[in-house]
Amino acid sequence: QVQLVESGGGLVQPGGSLRLSCAASGSFYVMGWYRQAPGKQRELVAAITSGGNTNYADFVKGRFTISRDNAKNTVYLQMNSLKPEDTAVYYCNGKRSVGMPYWGQGTQVTVSS
């Protein structure tokens, strides 16, 4: 059973930073972060391939950075200049060339003064 375990969420003031981590029990071609705010659909935040190619949602470009350590099957999301509208549950996602994607249990990020 493949598992993805997120950590690093919490409460931060506007303008602050957080770093999320997601450790997977297996390897994935693409790993990414999605988020879901109350009453909204889950949306892509950022993704990265095993080769290091990245993709970002427009609303985080210049503020968030995704990275990964393939040896540790771990993906990170460095979030800077956080805004109240970044408040959401952040989910780690892993995809292989075939089969369904895997999801973590989610970690809450709250940006509030």
Protein backbone atom coordinates (compact mmCIF):
# COMPACT_ATOMS: atom_id res chain seq x y z
CA GLN A 1 0.00 0.00 0.00
CA VAL A 2 1.56 3.25 -1.16
CA GLN A 3 1.25 6.13 1.26
CA LEU A 4 1.91 9.83 1.01
CA VAL A 5 2.32 11.65 4.31
CA GLU A 6 2.26 15.44 4.45
CA SER A 7 3.68 17.63 7.18
CA GLY A 8 4.49 21.27 7.80
CA GLY A 9 1.10 22.95 7.78
CA GLY A 10 -0.03 25.37 10.43
CA LEU A 11 -1.06 28.92 11.25
CA VAL A 12 0.98 31.80 9.85
CA GLN A 13 0.51 35.54 9.58
CA PRO A 14 0.05 37.24 6.21
CA GLY A 15 3.41 37.72 4.56
CA GLY A 16 4.89 34.76 6.41
CA SER A 17 6.34 31.49 5.15
CA LEU A 18 5.73 27.78 5.55
CA ARG A 19 7.41 24.71 4.12
CA LEU A 20 5.33 21.64 3.39
CA SER A 21 6.83 18.18 3.01
CA CYS A 22 5.38 15.00 1.60
CA ALA A 23 7.10 11.67 2.06
CA ALA A 24 5.99 8.83 -0.21
CA SER A 25 6.48 5.13 0.37
CA GLY A 26 7.08 4.62 -3.35
CA SER A 27 8.40 6.48 -6.35
CA PHE A 28 6.31 8.62 -8.71
CA TYR A 29 6.95 10.22 -12.07
CA VAL A 30 5.07 13.37 -11.09
CA MET A 31 4.55 14.69 -7.59
CA GLY A 32 2.51 17.73 -6.82
CA TRP A 33 0.53 19.82 -4.40
CA TYR A 34 -3.15 20.63 -4.65
CA ARG A 35 -5.29 22.66 -2.31
CA GLN A 36 -8.94 22.89 -1.40
CA ALA A 37 -10.53 25.80 0.41
CA PRO A 38 -13.98 25.50 2.05
CA GLY A 39 -16.72 25.55 -0.56
CA LYS A 40 -14.26 25.40 -3.46
CA GLN A 41 -12.96 22.72 -5.77
CA ARG A 42 -9.56 21.17 -5.31
CA GLU A 43 -7.02 22.96 -7.50
CA LEU A 44 -3.47 22.38 -8.63
CA VAL A 45 -0.84 24.49 -6.86
CA ALA A 46 2.39 23.10 -8.31
CA ALA A 47 3.83 19.90 -9.74
CA ILE A 48 7.28 18.54 -10.51
CA THR A 49 8.50 15.59 -12.58
CA SER A 50 11.27 13.21 -11.58
CA GLY A 51 13.46 15.09 -14.05
CA GLY A 52 12.82 18.40 -12.32
CA ASN A 53 10.37 20.03 -14.72
CA THR A 54 7.92 22.21 -12.81
CA ASN A 55 4.46 23.63 -13.35
CA TYR A 56 2.85 26.33 -11.20
CA ALA A 57 -0.60 27.79 -10.91
CA ASP A 58 -0.61 31.47 -11.84
CA PHE A 59 -1.75 32.48 -8.36
CA VAL A 60 1.47 31.15 -6.73
CA LYS A 61 4.09 32.05 -9.32
CA GLY A 62 6.90 33.99 -7.72
CA ARG A 63 5.79 33.07 -4.20
CA PHE A 64 5.88 29.25 -3.97
CA THR A 65 8.65 26.88 -4.97
CA ILE A 66 8.25 23.13 -5.45
CA SER A 67 11.20 20.77 -5.19
CA ARG A 68 11.82 17.09 -4.67
CA ASP A 69 14.40 14.62 -3.44
CA ASN A 70 14.07 11.53 -5.63
CA ALA A 71 16.32 9.46 -3.37
CA LYS A 72 13.92 10.09 -0.47
CA ASN A 73 10.68 10.03 -2.54
CA THR A 74 9.88 13.37 -0.96
CA VAL A 75 8.41 16.54 -2.40
CA TYR A 76 8.50 19.96 -0.80
CA LEU A 77 6.55 23.18 -1.20
CA GLN A 78 8.19 26.36 0.04
CA MET A 79 5.50 28.98 0.46
CA ASN A 80 6.53 32.61 0.89
CA SER A 81 4.55 35.86 1.01
CA LEU A 82 1.48 33.95 2.14
CA LYS A 83 -1.92 35.59 1.78
CA PRO A 84 -5.21 34.91 3.57
CA GLU A 85 -6.57 33.50 0.31
CA ASP A 86 -3.90 30.77 0.48
CA THR A 87 -5.80 29.29 3.43
CA ALA A 88 -6.80 25.74 2.49
CA VAL A 89 -6.10 22.08 3.06
CA TYR A 90 -3.03 21.19 1.01
CA TYR A 91 -2.84 17.70 -0.47
CA CYS A 92 0.15 15.86 -1.82
CA ASN A 93 -0.36 13.95 -5.07
CA GLY A 94 1.69 11.27 -6.78
CA LYS A 95 1.25 10.02 -10.34
CA ARG A 96 2.84 7.18 -12.27
CA SER A 97 2.75 6.54 -16.00
CA VAL A 98 -0.16 4.13 -15.50
CA GLY A 99 -2.80 3.71 -12.82
CA MET A 100 -4.71 6.06 -10.60
CA PRO A 101 -3.02 8.91 -8.73
CA TYR A 102 -2.31 8.66 -5.04
CA TRP A 103 -3.26 11.28 -2.45
CA GLY A 104 -2.08 12.20 0.99
CA GLN A 105 -4.43 12.91 3.88
CA GLY A 106 -3.96 16.68 3.65
CA THR A 107 -2.46 19.32 5.89
CA GLN A 108 -4.18 22.54 6.95
CA VAL A 109 -2.60 25.87 6.12
CA THR A 110 -4.20 28.92 7.71
CA VAL A 111 -3.02 32.43 6.93
CA SER A 112 -4.46 34.90 9.38
CA SER A 113 -3.45 37.74 11.65
